[in-house]
Amino acid sequence: MEQTFTRNLDELHRVFSFLDSFAETSDLDMSVSLPVRLAVEELFTNMVKYNKDSRADITLAVNRSDESVTIVLTDFDTEPFDITSTGEVDTTASLEERTPGGLGIHLVKRMVDEIHYRYKDRVSQITLIKSVKPRHA
């Protein structure tokens, strides 16, 4: 399944509807659908907030195999930002010792099993893979 969304935080309700429909038709339980939903929300929000100069839509594609769910967010007309190369966040540090930013990506990295990043010709693509229990025959 694939759908395109305008670059606007008001689109989050449509993103959630799309993901909920996918979860239902793909027989995903909450242990998979909830982390996927939260990870997509964080990344979609970042794409909207940090690529304000673009007017291009954001594409969201989801697919399920027996072993995993694959989510691909594609952001057009953007500068590169490789979330796979961001540093670790020290969640044990006190609030006074922490540097603002990065916690959302830190959480995304914990919610999925794999993250891949690709950038070419001003197109940024983030692929998330979340393992699932095999379907019963």
Protein backbone atom coordinates (compact mmCIF):
# COMPACT_ATOMS: atom_id res chain seq x y z
CA MET A 1 0.00 0.00 0.00
CA GLU A 2 1.20 3.48 -0.76
CA GLN A 3 -0.24 6.92 -0.23
CA THR A 4 0.94 10.49 -0.67
CA PHE A 5 0.43 13.20 1.94
CA THR A 6 0.78 16.95 1.75
CA ARG A 7 3.58 18.48 3.78
CA ASN A 8 1.42 19.56 6.69
CA LEU A 9 1.02 18.36 10.27
CA ASP A 10 -2.76 18.43 9.74
CA GLU A 11 -2.21 15.37 7.53
CA LEU A 12 -1.33 13.22 10.55
CA HIS A 13 -4.95 12.10 10.90
CA ARG A 14 -4.81 10.77 7.32
CA VAL A 15 -1.44 9.12 8.00
CA PHE A 16 -2.94 7.37 11.03
CA SER A 17 -6.03 6.28 9.07
CA PHE A 18 -3.79 4.86 6.35
CA LEU A 19 -1.66 2.97 8.91
CA ASP A 20 -4.74 1.73 10.79
CA SER A 21 -6.25 0.42 7.56
CA PHE A 22 -2.98 -1.32 6.71
CA ALA A 23 -2.76 -2.85 10.20
CA GLU A 24 -6.31 -4.18 9.92
CA THR A 25 -5.95 -5.65 6.43
CA SER A 26 -2.50 -7.07 7.28
CA ASP A 27 -3.64 -8.65 10.54
CA LEU A 28 -1.12 -6.77 12.69
CA ASP A 29 -1.48 -6.85 16.44
CA MET A 30 -0.87 -3.82 18.65
CA SER A 31 2.66 -4.95 19.53
CA VAL A 32 3.57 -4.19 15.90
CA SER A 33 1.07 -1.55 14.79
CA LEU A 34 1.62 0.81 17.73
CA PRO A 35 5.44 1.11 17.38
CA VAL A 36 5.04 1.50 13.60
CA ARG A 37 2.48 4.25 14.13
CA LEU A 38 4.68 6.10 16.62
CA ALA A 39 7.81 5.79 14.45
CA VAL A 40 5.99 7.07 11.36
CA GLU A 41 4.48 9.95 13.33
CA GLU A 42 7.93 11.05 14.53
CA LEU A 43 9.55 10.82 11.10
CA PHE A 44 6.66 12.43 9.21
CA THR A 45 6.59 15.27 11.73
CA ASN A 46 10.35 15.78 11.36
CA MET A 47 10.05 15.86 7.57
CA VAL A 48 7.38 18.55 7.79
CA LYS A 49 9.13 20.61 10.49
CA TYR A 50 12.68 20.49 9.18
CA ASN A 51 12.08 20.72 5.43
CA LYS A 52 9.92 23.84 5.42
CA ASP A 53 11.21 25.12 2.08
CA SER A 54 9.82 22.18 0.12
CA ARG A 55 6.29 22.10 -1.21
CA ALA A 56 6.60 18.49 -2.37
CA ASP A 57 4.37 15.79 -0.92
CA ILE A 58 5.66 13.01 1.32
CA THR A 59 5.06 9.42 0.26
CA LEU A 60 4.40 6.61 2.72
CA ALA A 61 4.53 2.98 1.59
CA VAL A 62 3.88 -0.07 3.78
CA ASN A 63 4.17 -3.75 3.05
CA ARG A 64 3.88 -6.94 5.08
CA SER A 65 5.66 -10.22 4.54
CA ASP A 66 5.38 -13.26 6.79
CA GLU A 67 8.39 -12.09 8.83
CA SER A 68 8.20 -8.29 8.82
CA VAL A 69 6.52 -5.02 8.05
CA THR A 70 8.44 -2.61 5.83
CA ILE A 71 7.68 1.10 5.95
CA VAL A 72 9.21 3.57 3.49
CA LEU A 73 8.91 7.33 3.93
CA THR A 74 10.08 9.35 0.94
CA ASP A 75 10.72 13.08 1.24
CA PHE A 76 11.32 15.06 -1.96
CA ASP A 77 13.32 18.21 -2.60
CA THR A 78 15.27 18.02 0.65
CA GLU A 79 18.74 18.23 2.08
CA PRO A 80 20.26 14.98 3.37
CA PHE A 81 19.76 13.96 6.99
CA ASP A 82 20.84 10.40 7.70
CA ILE A 83 19.04 9.34 10.86
CA THR A 84 21.09 6.16 10.96
CA SER A 85 24.20 8.18 11.71
CA THR A 86 22.83 10.21 14.61
CA GLY A 87 24.55 9.77 17.93
CA GLU A 88 23.14 7.94 20.89
CA VAL A 89 21.08 9.84 23.43
CA ASP A 90 22.11 9.42 27.06
CA THR A 91 18.74 8.80 28.66
CA THR A 92 20.40 8.35 32.05
CA ALA A 93 21.72 11.92 32.12
CA SER A 94 19.85 14.54 34.13
CA LEU A 95 17.74 17.06 32.23
CA GLU A 96 20.33 19.75 32.92
CA GLU A 97 23.06 17.63 31.32
CA ARG A 98 21.13 16.73 28.18
CA THR A 99 21.42 18.46 24.82
CA PRO A 100 18.04 19.28 23.25
CA GLY A 101 17.02 17.21 20.23
CA GLY A 102 17.47 13.64 19.12
CA LEU A 103 15.16 11.91 21.56
CA GLY A 104 12.48 11.22 18.93
CA ILE A 105 14.95 9.53 16.58
CA HIS A 106 16.39 7.64 19.56
CA LEU A 107 12.90 6.28 20.27
CA VAL A 108 12.32 5.38 16.61
CA LYS A 109 15.54 3.35 16.63
CA ARG A 110 14.23 1.43 19.66
CA MET A 111 10.77 0.78 18.17
CA VAL A 112 11.87 -0.92 14.95
CA ASP A 113 14.36 -3.67 14.13
CA GLU A 114 16.12 -2.06 11.17
CA ILE A 115 16.49 1.43 9.70
CA HIS A 116 17.96 2.17 6.30
CA TYR A 117 18.62 5.56 4.77
CA ARG A 118 19.09 6.50 1.14
CA TYR A 119 19.62 9.92 -0.39
CA LYS A 120 19.95 10.73 -4.08
CA ASP A 121 19.02 13.71 -6.24
CA ARG A 122 17.46 15.61 -3.32
CA VAL A 123 15.22 12.66 -2.43
CA SER A 124 15.51 11.29 1.09
CA GLN A 125 14.19 7.82 1.78
CA ILE A 126 13.92 6.18 5.21
CA THR A 127 13.05 2.50 5.38
CA LEU A 128 11.92 0.94 8.65
CA ILE A 129 11.60 -2.78 9.20
CA LYS A 130 9.64 -4.23 12.10
CA SER A 131 9.62 -7.97 12.72
CA VAL A 132 6.27 -9.71 13.11
CA LYS A 133 5.14 -13.12 14.21
CA PRO A 134 4.50 -15.39 11.22
CA ARG A 135 0.90 -15.64 10.08
CA HIS A 136 -0.91 -18.85 10.93
CA ALA A 137 -2.12 -20.89 7.99
